Structure formats: C-alpha cells, structure tokens
N, C-alpha and C. Protein backbone atom coordinates (compact mmCIF):
# COMPACT_ATOMS: atom_id res chain seq x y z
N MET A 1 14.56 -94.38 -19.22
CA MET A 1 15.95 -94.84 -19.28
C MET A 1 16.85 -93.66 -19.70
N ALA A 2 18.00 -93.59 -19.06
CA ALA A 2 18.90 -92.47 -19.34
C ALA A 2 19.41 -92.54 -20.76
N PHE A 3 19.73 -93.76 -21.24
CA PHE A 3 20.25 -93.90 -22.59
C PHE A 3 19.22 -93.49 -23.62
N GLU A 4 17.92 -93.93 -23.37
CA GLU A 4 16.85 -93.58 -24.31
C GLU A 4 16.61 -92.09 -24.31
N ASP A 5 16.72 -91.50 -23.11
CA ASP A 5 16.52 -90.04 -23.04
C ASP A 5 17.64 -89.31 -23.80
N THR A 6 18.86 -89.84 -23.70
CA THR A 6 19.97 -89.22 -24.39
C THR A 6 19.81 -89.32 -25.89
N MET A 7 19.39 -90.50 -26.38
CA MET A 7 19.20 -90.69 -27.82
C MET A 7 18.06 -89.83 -28.34
N ARG A 8 16.98 -89.71 -27.51
CA ARG A 8 15.84 -88.89 -27.94
C ARG A 8 16.24 -87.43 -28.01
N SER A 9 17.02 -86.99 -27.02
CA SER A 9 17.44 -85.58 -27.04
C SER A 9 18.40 -85.31 -28.20
N LEU A 10 19.16 -86.35 -28.57
CA LEU A 10 20.10 -86.17 -29.69
C LEU A 10 19.34 -86.09 -31.00
N ARG A 11 18.27 -86.93 -31.12
CA ARG A 11 17.47 -86.90 -32.34
C ARG A 11 16.71 -85.59 -32.47
N GLU A 12 16.29 -85.07 -31.35
CA GLU A 12 15.53 -83.82 -31.37
C GLU A 12 16.43 -82.59 -31.44
N PHE A 13 17.76 -82.83 -31.35
CA PHE A 13 18.72 -81.71 -31.31
C PHE A 13 18.87 -81.08 -32.68
N ASP A 14 18.88 -79.78 -32.71
CA ASP A 14 19.09 -79.01 -33.94
C ASP A 14 20.30 -78.12 -33.71
N VAL A 15 21.25 -78.19 -34.67
CA VAL A 15 22.47 -77.39 -34.54
C VAL A 15 22.15 -75.91 -34.37
N ASN A 16 21.08 -75.48 -35.00
CA ASN A 16 20.71 -74.07 -34.92
C ASN A 16 20.25 -73.67 -33.52
N ASP A 17 19.97 -74.71 -32.68
CA ASP A 17 19.49 -74.43 -31.33
C ASP A 17 20.65 -74.28 -30.33
N LEU A 18 21.93 -74.44 -30.83
CA LEU A 18 23.07 -74.34 -29.93
C LEU A 18 23.15 -72.94 -29.33
N ASP A 19 23.24 -72.92 -28.03
CA ASP A 19 23.34 -71.65 -27.31
C ASP A 19 24.67 -71.67 -26.56
N PHE A 20 25.60 -70.87 -27.04
CA PHE A 20 26.93 -70.86 -26.43
C PHE A 20 26.93 -70.21 -25.05
N ASP A 21 25.84 -69.53 -24.72
CA ASP A 21 25.73 -68.96 -23.38
C ASP A 21 25.18 -69.97 -22.38
N ASN A 22 24.73 -71.09 -22.89
CA ASN A 22 24.17 -72.13 -22.01
C ASN A 22 24.65 -73.49 -22.48
N VAL A 23 25.99 -73.69 -22.40
CA VAL A 23 26.59 -74.93 -22.89
C VAL A 23 26.11 -76.13 -22.08
N GLY A 24 25.79 -75.90 -20.83
CA GLY A 24 25.38 -77.01 -19.97
C GLY A 24 24.10 -77.68 -20.45
N SER A 25 23.28 -77.00 -21.25
CA SER A 25 22.03 -77.59 -21.73
C SER A 25 22.21 -78.41 -22.99
N TRP A 26 23.46 -78.44 -23.53
CA TRP A 26 23.67 -79.22 -24.75
C TRP A 26 23.57 -80.71 -24.45
N PRO A 27 23.15 -81.49 -25.41
CA PRO A 27 23.10 -82.96 -25.21
C PRO A 27 24.49 -83.50 -24.91
N LEU A 28 24.56 -84.59 -24.13
CA LEU A 28 25.82 -85.19 -23.73
C LEU A 28 26.66 -85.63 -24.94
N PRO A 29 26.10 -86.27 -25.96
CA PRO A 29 26.94 -86.66 -27.13
C PRO A 29 27.59 -85.46 -27.80
N VAL A 30 26.88 -84.33 -27.84
CA VAL A 30 27.46 -83.13 -28.46
C VAL A 30 28.62 -82.63 -27.61
N LYS A 31 28.41 -82.66 -26.27
CA LYS A 31 29.48 -82.24 -25.39
C LYS A 31 30.71 -83.14 -25.57
N LEU A 32 30.45 -84.47 -25.62
CA LEU A 32 31.56 -85.40 -25.80
C LEU A 32 32.30 -85.14 -27.12
N PHE A 33 31.54 -84.88 -28.18
CA PHE A 33 32.16 -84.60 -29.49
C PHE A 33 33.02 -83.34 -29.42
N ILE A 34 32.49 -82.30 -28.75
CA ILE A 34 33.23 -81.05 -28.63
C ILE A 34 34.50 -81.27 -27.82
N TRP A 35 34.38 -82.05 -26.72
CA TRP A 35 35.56 -82.33 -25.90
C TRP A 35 36.63 -83.09 -26.68
N VAL A 36 36.17 -84.09 -27.43
CA VAL A 36 37.13 -84.88 -28.23
C VAL A 36 37.81 -84.01 -29.27
N ALA A 37 37.01 -83.14 -29.93
CA ALA A 37 37.58 -82.26 -30.95
C ALA A 37 38.58 -81.29 -30.34
N LEU A 38 38.23 -80.74 -29.16
CA LEU A 38 39.15 -79.81 -28.51
C LEU A 38 40.43 -80.53 -28.08
N PHE A 39 40.26 -81.77 -27.56
CA PHE A 39 41.44 -82.54 -27.15
C PHE A 39 42.36 -82.82 -28.35
N ALA A 40 41.73 -83.18 -29.50
CA ALA A 40 42.52 -83.44 -30.70
C ALA A 40 43.26 -82.18 -31.15
N LEU A 41 42.58 -81.03 -31.10
CA LEU A 41 43.23 -79.77 -31.49
C LEU A 41 44.41 -79.45 -30.57
N VAL A 42 44.20 -79.69 -29.25
CA VAL A 42 45.28 -79.43 -28.30
C VAL A 42 46.48 -80.34 -28.57
N MET A 43 46.18 -81.62 -28.86
CA MET A 43 47.26 -82.56 -29.13
C MET A 43 48.02 -82.19 -30.40
N VAL A 44 47.28 -81.86 -31.47
CA VAL A 44 47.92 -81.48 -32.73
C VAL A 44 48.72 -80.20 -32.55
N GLY A 45 48.14 -79.22 -31.87
CA GLY A 45 48.87 -77.98 -31.63
C GLY A 45 50.10 -78.21 -30.78
N GLY A 46 49.98 -79.05 -29.76
CA GLY A 46 51.14 -79.36 -28.93
C GLY A 46 52.24 -80.05 -29.70
N TYR A 47 51.84 -80.93 -30.65
CA TYR A 47 52.84 -81.62 -31.46
C TYR A 47 53.63 -80.64 -32.31
N TYR A 48 52.90 -79.76 -33.00
CA TYR A 48 53.58 -78.85 -33.93
C TYR A 48 54.36 -77.75 -33.21
N TYR A 49 53.90 -77.36 -32.03
CA TYR A 49 54.56 -76.24 -31.36
C TYR A 49 55.57 -76.68 -30.30
N HIS A 50 55.54 -77.94 -29.92
CA HIS A 50 56.46 -78.37 -28.87
C HIS A 50 57.18 -79.68 -29.23
N ILE A 51 56.42 -80.70 -29.52
CA ILE A 51 57.03 -82.02 -29.78
C ILE A 51 57.88 -81.99 -31.04
N LYS A 52 57.43 -81.26 -32.07
CA LYS A 52 58.21 -81.20 -33.31
C LYS A 52 59.57 -80.56 -33.05
N ASP A 53 59.60 -79.49 -32.23
CA ASP A 53 60.88 -78.87 -31.89
C ASP A 53 61.78 -79.83 -31.12
N LEU A 54 61.15 -80.60 -30.22
CA LEU A 54 61.92 -81.58 -29.46
C LEU A 54 62.50 -82.65 -30.38
N GLN A 55 61.72 -83.06 -31.38
CA GLN A 55 62.22 -84.06 -32.32
C GLN A 55 63.38 -83.52 -33.13
N THR A 56 63.31 -82.23 -33.51
CA THR A 56 64.42 -81.61 -34.23
C THR A 56 65.67 -81.57 -33.37
N GLN A 57 65.50 -81.18 -32.09
CA GLN A 57 66.64 -81.18 -31.18
C GLN A 57 67.20 -82.58 -30.98
N LEU A 58 66.29 -83.57 -30.91
CA LEU A 58 66.73 -84.95 -30.74
C LEU A 58 67.56 -85.41 -31.93
N ALA A 59 67.12 -85.04 -33.16
CA ALA A 59 67.87 -85.42 -34.36
C ALA A 59 69.26 -84.79 -34.35
N GLN A 60 69.34 -83.53 -33.92
CA GLN A 60 70.65 -82.86 -33.85
C GLN A 60 71.55 -83.54 -32.82
N ILE A 61 70.99 -83.88 -31.68
CA ILE A 61 71.78 -84.54 -30.62
C ILE A 61 72.23 -85.92 -31.08
N GLU A 62 71.35 -86.63 -31.80
CA GLU A 62 71.73 -87.95 -32.31
C GLU A 62 72.88 -87.82 -33.32
N GLY A 63 72.84 -86.75 -34.16
CA GLY A 63 73.94 -86.51 -35.09
C GLY A 63 75.24 -86.24 -34.35
N LYS A 64 75.17 -85.44 -33.27
CA LYS A 64 76.37 -85.18 -32.48
C LYS A 64 76.86 -86.46 -31.81
N GLU A 65 75.91 -87.31 -31.42
CA GLU A 65 76.30 -88.57 -30.78
C GLU A 65 77.12 -89.43 -31.73
N VAL A 66 76.72 -89.45 -33.01
CA VAL A 66 77.47 -90.22 -34.00
C VAL A 66 78.88 -89.66 -34.15
N GLU A 67 79.00 -88.32 -34.22
CA GLU A 67 80.32 -87.70 -34.34
C GLU A 67 81.18 -87.99 -33.10
N LEU A 68 80.56 -87.92 -31.91
CA LEU A 68 81.31 -88.18 -30.69
C LEU A 68 81.76 -89.64 -30.62
N LYS A 69 80.93 -90.56 -31.11
CA LYS A 69 81.32 -91.97 -31.14
C LYS A 69 82.53 -92.17 -32.05
N LYS A 70 82.50 -91.53 -33.23
CA LYS A 70 83.63 -91.64 -34.15
C LYS A 70 84.89 -91.06 -33.51
N ASP A 71 84.74 -89.89 -32.86
CA ASP A 71 85.89 -89.26 -32.21
C ASP A 71 86.42 -90.15 -31.08
N PHE A 72 85.51 -90.75 -30.34
CA PHE A 72 85.91 -91.65 -29.25
C PHE A 72 86.65 -92.87 -29.81
N GLU A 73 86.13 -93.45 -30.90
CA GLU A 73 86.78 -94.61 -31.51
C GLU A 73 88.18 -94.26 -31.99
N LYS A 74 88.31 -93.04 -32.59
CA LYS A 74 89.62 -92.60 -33.07
C LYS A 74 90.61 -92.45 -31.91
N LYS A 75 90.15 -91.80 -30.83
CA LYS A 75 91.04 -91.58 -29.68
C LYS A 75 91.35 -92.90 -28.98
N ALA A 76 90.36 -93.80 -28.94
CA ALA A 76 90.61 -95.11 -28.33
C ALA A 76 91.66 -95.89 -29.12
N PHE A 77 91.57 -95.76 -30.47
CA PHE A 77 92.57 -96.43 -31.32
C PHE A 77 93.95 -95.84 -31.09
N GLU A 78 94.02 -94.51 -31.00
CA GLU A 78 95.31 -93.85 -30.76
C GLU A 78 95.86 -94.24 -29.39
N ALA A 79 94.97 -94.31 -28.38
CA ALA A 79 95.43 -94.68 -27.05
C ALA A 79 95.94 -96.12 -27.03
N ALA A 80 95.24 -97.00 -27.77
CA ALA A 80 95.66 -98.40 -27.81
C ALA A 80 97.00 -98.55 -28.51
N ASN A 81 97.31 -97.63 -29.44
CA ASN A 81 98.56 -97.71 -30.20
C ASN A 81 99.57 -96.67 -29.75
N LEU A 82 99.37 -96.14 -28.54
CA LEU A 82 100.25 -95.08 -28.05
C LEU A 82 101.70 -95.55 -27.96
N GLU A 83 101.91 -96.76 -27.49
CA GLU A 83 103.27 -97.26 -27.36
C GLU A 83 103.95 -97.38 -28.72
N ALA A 84 103.17 -97.83 -29.73
CA ALA A 84 103.73 -97.93 -31.09
C ALA A 84 104.08 -96.55 -31.63
N TYR A 85 103.21 -95.55 -31.33
CA TYR A 85 103.51 -94.19 -31.77
C TYR A 85 104.77 -93.65 -31.10
N ARG A 86 104.93 -93.96 -29.82
CA ARG A 86 106.12 -93.50 -29.12
C ARG A 86 107.38 -94.13 -29.71
N GLN A 87 107.26 -95.41 -30.07
CA GLN A 87 108.41 -96.08 -30.68
C GLN A 87 108.74 -95.46 -32.03
N GLN A 88 107.68 -95.17 -32.83
CA GLN A 88 107.91 -94.51 -34.11
C GLN A 88 108.54 -93.14 -33.93
N MET A 89 108.07 -92.41 -32.90
CA MET A 89 108.64 -91.09 -32.64
C MET A 89 110.11 -91.20 -32.28
N ALA A 90 110.46 -92.20 -31.46
CA ALA A 90 111.86 -92.39 -31.08
C ALA A 90 112.70 -92.72 -32.31
N GLU A 91 112.16 -93.55 -33.21
CA GLU A 91 112.89 -93.90 -34.42
C GLU A 91 113.06 -92.67 -35.32
N MET A 92 112.01 -91.85 -35.42
CA MET A 92 112.10 -90.64 -36.23
C MET A 92 113.12 -89.67 -35.66
N GLU A 93 113.13 -89.53 -34.33
CA GLU A 93 114.12 -88.64 -33.71
C GLU A 93 115.53 -89.15 -33.95
N GLU A 94 115.69 -90.47 -33.90
CA GLU A 94 117.01 -91.05 -34.16
C GLU A 94 117.43 -90.80 -35.61
N SER A 95 116.48 -90.99 -36.55
CA SER A 95 116.79 -90.74 -37.96
C SER A 95 117.09 -89.27 -38.20
N PHE A 96 116.29 -88.40 -37.54
CA PHE A 96 116.52 -86.97 -37.69
C PHE A 96 117.89 -86.58 -37.15
N GLY A 97 118.26 -87.18 -36.00
CA GLY A 97 119.58 -86.90 -35.44
C GLY A 97 120.69 -87.34 -36.37
N ALA A 98 120.48 -88.50 -37.04
CA ALA A 98 121.50 -88.98 -37.98
C ALA A 98 121.63 -88.04 -39.16
N LEU A 99 120.49 -87.50 -39.64
CA LEU A 99 120.54 -86.56 -40.77
C LEU A 99 121.20 -85.25 -40.36
N VAL A 100 120.85 -84.79 -39.15
CA VAL A 100 121.44 -83.53 -38.68
C VAL A 100 122.94 -83.66 -38.53
N SER A 101 123.39 -84.86 -38.11
CA SER A 101 124.83 -85.06 -37.94
C SER A 101 125.58 -84.98 -39.26
N GLN A 102 124.84 -85.16 -40.37
CA GLN A 102 125.47 -85.05 -41.68
C GLN A 102 125.56 -83.61 -42.17
N LEU A 103 124.89 -82.71 -41.47
CA LEU A 103 124.96 -81.30 -41.85
C LEU A 103 126.19 -80.68 -41.21
N PRO A 104 127.06 -80.12 -42.00
CA PRO A 104 128.30 -79.57 -41.43
C PRO A 104 128.03 -78.32 -40.61
N SER A 105 128.82 -78.12 -39.58
CA SER A 105 128.78 -76.86 -38.84
C SER A 105 129.72 -75.88 -39.54
N ASP A 106 129.74 -74.66 -39.07
CA ASP A 106 130.60 -73.64 -39.69
C ASP A 106 132.07 -74.08 -39.70
N THR A 107 132.49 -74.74 -38.62
CA THR A 107 133.89 -75.11 -38.52
C THR A 107 134.26 -76.26 -39.46
N GLU A 108 133.27 -76.97 -40.00
CA GLU A 108 133.55 -78.11 -40.88
C GLU A 108 133.56 -77.74 -42.34
N VAL A 109 133.18 -76.52 -42.69
CA VAL A 109 133.12 -76.12 -44.10
C VAL A 109 134.49 -76.21 -44.77
N PRO A 110 135.59 -75.77 -44.16
CA PRO A 110 136.90 -75.94 -44.82
C PRO A 110 137.21 -77.40 -45.14
N GLY A 111 136.83 -78.29 -44.22
CA GLY A 111 137.05 -79.71 -44.48
C GLY A 111 136.21 -80.20 -45.64
N LEU A 112 135.00 -79.67 -45.78
CA LEU A 112 134.15 -80.05 -46.91
C LEU A 112 134.74 -79.57 -48.22
N LEU A 113 135.26 -78.35 -48.23
CA LEU A 113 135.90 -77.83 -49.45
C LEU A 113 137.11 -78.68 -49.83
N GLU A 114 137.82 -79.12 -48.83
CA GLU A 114 138.98 -79.98 -49.10
C GLU A 114 138.52 -81.33 -49.68
N ASP A 115 137.43 -81.87 -49.15
CA ASP A 115 136.89 -83.13 -49.68
C ASP A 115 136.48 -82.98 -51.14
N ILE A 116 135.84 -81.85 -51.48
CA ILE A 116 135.42 -81.62 -52.86
C ILE A 116 136.63 -81.53 -53.78
N THR A 117 137.63 -80.80 -53.31
CA THR A 117 138.86 -80.67 -54.12
C THR A 117 139.51 -82.03 -54.35
N ASN A 118 139.60 -82.83 -53.30
CA ASN A 118 140.22 -84.15 -53.43
C ASN A 118 139.43 -85.05 -54.37
N LYS A 119 138.10 -84.97 -54.30
CA LYS A 119 137.28 -85.77 -55.21
C LYS A 119 137.57 -85.40 -56.66
N GLY A 120 137.69 -84.09 -56.90
CA GLY A 120 137.98 -83.66 -58.26
C GLY A 120 139.34 -84.15 -58.73
N LEU A 121 140.35 -84.00 -57.90
CA LEU A 121 141.71 -84.40 -58.29
C LEU A 121 141.81 -85.91 -58.46
N LEU A 122 141.15 -86.68 -57.58
CA LEU A 122 141.19 -88.13 -57.69
C LEU A 122 140.54 -88.63 -58.98
N ASN A 123 139.61 -87.85 -59.50
CA ASN A 123 138.94 -88.25 -60.73
C ASN A 123 139.53 -87.56 -61.96
N GLY A 124 140.73 -86.99 -61.82
CA GLY A 124 141.43 -86.43 -62.97
C GLY A 124 140.94 -85.09 -63.45
N LEU A 125 140.25 -84.35 -62.62
CA LEU A 125 139.75 -83.04 -63.04
C LEU A 125 140.76 -81.94 -62.69
N GLU A 126 140.66 -80.87 -63.45
CA GLU A 126 141.39 -79.65 -63.12
C GLU A 126 140.40 -78.69 -62.46
N ILE A 127 140.60 -78.41 -61.17
CA ILE A 127 139.70 -77.52 -60.44
C ILE A 127 140.16 -76.08 -60.67
N SER A 128 139.35 -75.32 -61.36
CA SER A 128 139.70 -73.91 -61.61
C SER A 128 139.38 -73.05 -60.39
N SER A 129 138.22 -73.28 -59.78
CA SER A 129 137.84 -72.46 -58.62
C SER A 129 136.75 -73.15 -57.83
N ILE A 130 136.79 -72.88 -56.55
CA ILE A 130 135.71 -73.30 -55.65
C ILE A 130 135.40 -72.09 -54.78
N ASP A 131 134.24 -71.48 -55.01
CA ASP A 131 133.91 -70.23 -54.35
C ASP A 131 132.66 -70.39 -53.48
N LEU A 132 132.78 -69.98 -52.23
CA LEU A 132 131.62 -69.98 -51.34
C LEU A 132 130.70 -68.81 -51.71
N GLN A 133 129.42 -69.10 -51.80
CA GLN A 133 128.42 -68.07 -52.09
C GLN A 133 127.75 -67.66 -50.77
N PRO A 134 127.02 -66.55 -50.77
CA PRO A 134 126.32 -66.12 -49.54
C PRO A 134 125.33 -67.17 -49.05
N GLU A 135 125.26 -67.34 -47.73
CA GLU A 135 124.33 -68.30 -47.15
C GLU A 135 122.89 -67.86 -47.39
N VAL A 136 122.00 -68.85 -47.47
CA VAL A 136 120.57 -68.59 -47.63
C VAL A 136 119.85 -69.26 -46.46
N ALA A 137 119.19 -68.45 -45.62
CA ALA A 137 118.50 -68.99 -44.44
C ALA A 137 117.13 -69.50 -44.84
N ARG A 138 116.86 -70.74 -44.50
CA ARG A 138 115.54 -71.34 -44.69
C ARG A 138 114.87 -71.46 -43.32
N GLU A 139 113.72 -72.12 -43.30
CA GLU A 139 112.96 -72.19 -42.04
C GLU A 139 113.69 -72.99 -40.98
N PHE A 140 114.21 -74.15 -41.36
CA PHE A 140 114.85 -75.02 -40.37
C PHE A 140 116.34 -75.22 -40.60
N TYR A 141 116.86 -74.70 -41.68
CA TYR A 141 118.26 -74.93 -41.98
C TYR A 141 118.83 -73.74 -42.73
N VAL A 142 120.15 -73.72 -42.84
CA VAL A 142 120.85 -72.68 -43.59
C VAL A 142 121.53 -73.34 -44.77
N GLU A 143 121.33 -72.78 -45.94
CA GLU A 143 121.84 -73.34 -47.18
C GLU A 143 123.11 -72.58 -47.58
N LEU A 144 124.16 -73.36 -47.88
CA LEU A 144 125.44 -72.75 -48.28
C LEU A 144 125.80 -73.20 -49.70
N PRO A 145 125.59 -72.33 -50.71
CA PRO A 145 125.96 -72.70 -52.08
C PRO A 145 127.48 -72.57 -52.29
N ILE A 146 128.00 -73.49 -53.09
CA ILE A 146 129.43 -73.47 -53.43
C ILE A 146 129.54 -73.57 -54.94
N ALA A 147 130.10 -72.54 -55.58
CA ALA A 147 130.27 -72.53 -57.03
C ALA A 147 131.57 -73.24 -57.38
N ILE A 148 131.45 -74.27 -58.23
CA ILE A 148 132.63 -75.08 -58.61
C ILE A 148 132.84 -74.95 -60.11
N SER A 149 134.04 -74.67 -60.50
CA SER A 149 134.42 -74.62 -61.92
C SER A 149 135.57 -75.61 -62.11
N ALA A 150 135.37 -76.59 -63.01
CA ALA A 150 136.37 -77.64 -63.24
C ALA A 150 136.34 -78.05 -64.69
N SER A 151 137.36 -78.79 -65.12
CA SER A 151 137.42 -79.28 -66.49
C SER A 151 138.04 -80.67 -66.50
N GLY A 152 137.64 -81.44 -67.54
CA GLY A 152 138.14 -82.81 -67.66
C GLY A 152 137.33 -83.54 -68.72
N SER A 153 137.55 -84.83 -68.82
CA SER A 153 136.81 -85.61 -69.81
C SER A 153 135.39 -85.88 -69.31
N TYR A 154 134.57 -86.36 -70.23
CA TYR A 154 133.17 -86.66 -69.89
C TYR A 154 133.10 -87.67 -68.75
N HIS A 155 133.90 -88.74 -68.84
CA HIS A 155 133.88 -89.78 -67.82
C HIS A 155 134.43 -89.26 -66.49
N ASP A 156 135.43 -88.39 -66.55
CA ASP A 156 135.98 -87.82 -65.32
C ASP A 156 134.93 -86.96 -64.60
N LEU A 157 134.20 -86.18 -65.40
CA LEU A 157 133.15 -85.35 -64.81
C LEU A 157 132.06 -86.21 -64.17
N GLY A 158 131.68 -87.29 -64.88
CA GLY A 158 130.66 -88.19 -64.33
C GLY A 158 131.12 -88.87 -63.06
N ALA A 159 132.40 -89.28 -63.02
CA ALA A 159 132.93 -89.92 -61.81
C ALA A 159 132.98 -88.93 -60.65
N PHE A 160 133.30 -87.67 -60.94
CA PHE A 160 133.34 -86.64 -59.90
C PHE A 160 131.95 -86.43 -59.30
N ILE A 161 130.94 -86.32 -60.16
CA ILE A 161 129.57 -86.11 -59.68
C ILE A 161 129.10 -87.29 -58.84
N SER A 162 129.42 -88.51 -59.28
CA SER A 162 129.06 -89.70 -58.50
C SER A 162 129.78 -89.70 -57.17
N GLY A 163 131.05 -89.27 -57.17
CA GLY A 163 131.81 -89.22 -55.93
C GLY A 163 131.24 -88.22 -54.94
N MET A 164 130.65 -87.13 -55.44
CA MET A 164 130.04 -86.13 -54.55
C MET A 164 128.89 -86.73 -53.76
N ALA A 165 128.18 -87.67 -54.40
CA ALA A 165 127.05 -88.30 -53.70
C ALA A 165 127.52 -89.19 -52.57
N GLY A 166 128.77 -89.62 -52.61
CA GLY A 166 129.29 -90.49 -51.57
C GLY A 166 129.95 -89.76 -50.42
N LEU A 167 129.92 -88.44 -50.41
CA LEU A 167 130.52 -87.69 -49.31
C LEU A 167 129.77 -87.96 -48.01
N PRO A 168 130.47 -87.92 -46.87
CA PRO A 168 129.80 -88.18 -45.59
C PRO A 168 128.84 -87.08 -45.17
N ARG A 169 128.87 -85.95 -45.84
CA ARG A 169 127.96 -84.85 -45.54
C ARG A 169 126.93 -84.73 -46.65
N ILE A 170 125.81 -84.10 -46.34
CA ILE A 170 124.76 -83.91 -47.34
C ILE A 170 125.18 -82.80 -48.29
N VAL A 171 125.31 -83.14 -49.57
CA VAL A 171 125.66 -82.17 -50.61
C VAL A 171 124.75 -82.44 -51.81
N THR A 172 124.07 -81.41 -52.29
CA THR A 172 123.24 -81.55 -53.49
C THR A 172 123.84 -80.70 -54.61
N LEU A 173 123.63 -81.13 -55.84
CA LEU A 173 124.22 -80.48 -57.01
C LEU A 173 123.14 -79.82 -57.85
N HIS A 174 123.41 -78.61 -58.33
CA HIS A 174 122.41 -77.82 -59.05
C HIS A 174 123.07 -77.05 -60.20
N ASP A 175 122.24 -76.63 -61.15
CA ASP A 175 122.65 -75.69 -62.21
C ASP A 175 123.89 -76.17 -62.97
N PHE A 176 123.79 -77.36 -63.56
CA PHE A 176 124.88 -77.87 -64.38
C PHE A 176 125.06 -77.01 -65.63
N ASN A 177 126.30 -76.79 -65.98
CA ASN A 177 126.61 -76.12 -67.24
C ASN A 177 127.91 -76.73 -67.78
N ILE A 178 127.79 -77.55 -68.83
CA ILE A 178 128.95 -78.25 -69.39
C ILE A 178 129.15 -77.77 -70.82
N SER A 179 130.38 -77.44 -71.16
CA SER A 179 130.70 -76.96 -72.52
C SER A 179 132.08 -77.46 -72.92
N ALA A 180 132.29 -77.52 -74.24
CA ALA A 180 133.59 -77.98 -74.76
C ALA A 180 134.63 -76.87 -74.60
N ARG A 181 135.84 -77.26 -74.30
CA ARG A 181 136.94 -76.31 -74.18
C ARG A 181 137.78 -76.36 -75.47
N GLY A 182 137.66 -75.36 -76.28
CA GLY A 182 138.43 -75.30 -77.53
C GLY A 182 137.95 -76.34 -78.53
N ASP A 183 138.88 -76.86 -79.32
CA ASP A 183 138.55 -77.83 -80.36
C ASP A 183 138.54 -79.26 -79.85
N ASP A 184 138.99 -79.48 -78.64
CA ASP A 184 139.06 -80.83 -78.08
C ASP A 184 137.72 -81.17 -77.47
N ALA A 185 136.93 -82.03 -78.16
CA ALA A 185 135.60 -82.39 -77.69
C ALA A 185 135.66 -83.26 -76.45
N ASN A 186 136.82 -83.87 -76.18
CA ASN A 186 136.94 -84.72 -75.01
C ASN A 186 137.37 -83.93 -73.77
N HIS A 187 137.66 -82.66 -73.94
CA HIS A 187 138.05 -81.81 -72.81
C HIS A 187 136.90 -80.83 -72.56
N LEU A 188 136.16 -81.10 -71.50
CA LEU A 188 134.95 -80.34 -71.22
C LEU A 188 135.13 -79.48 -69.98
N GLY A 189 134.47 -78.35 -70.02
CA GLY A 189 134.45 -77.48 -68.84
C GLY A 189 133.09 -77.58 -68.16
N MET A 190 133.08 -77.58 -66.85
CA MET A 190 131.82 -77.71 -66.10
C MET A 190 131.75 -76.64 -65.01
N ASN A 191 130.63 -75.96 -64.99
CA ASN A 191 130.31 -75.05 -63.89
C ASN A 191 129.08 -75.63 -63.17
N ILE A 192 129.16 -75.74 -61.88
CA ILE A 192 128.09 -76.38 -61.12
C ILE A 192 128.00 -75.74 -59.75
N ILE A 193 126.80 -75.74 -59.19
CA ILE A 193 126.59 -75.24 -57.83
C ILE A 193 126.34 -76.43 -56.92
N ALA A 194 127.20 -76.60 -55.96
CA ALA A 194 127.00 -77.62 -54.92
C ALA A 194 126.46 -76.91 -53.68
N LYS A 195 125.40 -77.47 -53.12
CA LYS A 195 124.80 -76.87 -51.93
C LYS A 195 124.95 -77.82 -50.75
N THR A 196 125.47 -77.30 -49.67
CA THR A 196 125.51 -78.05 -48.42
C THR A 196 124.66 -77.31 -47.41
N TYR A 197 124.37 -77.94 -46.31
CA TYR A 197 123.39 -77.39 -45.36
C TYR A 197 123.89 -77.58 -43.94
N ARG A 198 123.47 -76.67 -43.09
CA ARG A 198 123.71 -76.84 -41.67
C ARG A 198 122.42 -76.56 -40.93
N TYR A 199 122.29 -77.21 -39.81
CA TYR A 199 121.06 -77.07 -39.03
C TYR A 199 120.95 -75.65 -38.47
N LYS A 200 119.77 -75.10 -38.55
CA LYS A 200 119.56 -73.74 -38.10
C LYS A 200 119.11 -73.77 -36.64
N ASP A 201 120.03 -73.42 -35.74
CA ASP A 201 119.69 -73.39 -34.32
C ASP A 201 119.02 -72.06 -33.99
N GLY A 202 118.75 -71.85 -32.72
CA GLY A 202 118.02 -70.64 -32.33
C GLY A 202 118.76 -69.36 -32.60
N ASP A 203 120.08 -69.41 -32.68
CA ASP A 203 120.87 -68.19 -32.88
C ASP A 203 121.11 -67.89 -34.34
N ALA A 204 120.77 -68.85 -35.23
CA ALA A 204 121.08 -68.67 -36.66
C ALA A 204 120.09 -67.71 -37.29
C-alpha cells in the first residue's frame, strides 16, 4: 500500500540522512512540510515587504478621504447658502456705502468746520480756535485731525460734545484737556482733537 510505504519510510527517516543534492529521494511528508514552511515564509515576507506598505498607503488615503469629505460638506453648505451670502454681501455693500457717504470729501471740510463752530456757539461756548492739522493717510481712509480750543461751563462743554456725536458726518473726539480758567471754577477751558475721515480713493 502506498500509504503504508509512506509511513514506513517516514518512520525509518533520519534527519541526518537528508541529502540536499538529492531532494527527490526525501519522503513525501518531509517534502510537504518543507513546501508548507517555504510557502509560509513567502507569505510572511510578502506581508511585511509589500502588503504592510499597501496598508500604510491605504490608511493615508483613508485619512485624506475624511478630509475631502469634510471639505466637500463645507463647500456643499456654502453652495446651498450662496444666495443668502449674496444677500448679506449686498447688505454689507449698502451699509458700507452709507458709511462712506458720511465721510466728507475735501470740498466739504469748510462746511464741517462751520458745523463745529455752530455747535459750539449754540451751546454757549466761546470758540478760541479751530485749526486743521496735517492729514494722516491710513490703509483705506485719510484721517483729518482738527484742534479745537473753546471755553464755557461744564454743562455747556458736555452739551457741545454730545452735539458733535449728532453731526451728519463721522467725527470722533480725542485727547481731552479741560482746565479751569482763572478763579472761576464754572468757567472751563477745553482743548480737544476732533478727527474726521474721508475715503481714500486710488489717487489719495
């Protein structure tokens, strides 16, 4: 019987009798064991030298896929809300235009000085001087400081400052300096810098 012959040859087999120059004479079970061992080594080596690298690349691609999905969701949300964004942009441009219209041009500065003078006189102040200072160019606008020197009572000064906030043009107040004039504590002198702005066009 072939099976009995194989088992007998396996029992009679001695590892020391292995002849690598005559592998064909080895018993079949030994050959099968060697083949299985070689196959396992090839599979393990293939995993570590090829499949493992592929798995690393797959993990990187999966990570990029997650980022691309997030980016896609963000862009899809923006696309779905594009009309709302356009409406917001139109509203912002309208608001910006309204603000720019409050910035005086060069030709309107005399009118602004007249408005400041009238505010002071209406509130009972004595305007000593209103002096234009050198313009200061900023990134998007030009700043025009105006040095104002006036005197009056505490309440008159407060009413004047409040009135400045109600001007139709944008005017900000800086560098307050209030002091008593002589022995009369109710007669105060005020030095203040009022700044107005104009839009900086391409030629400014």
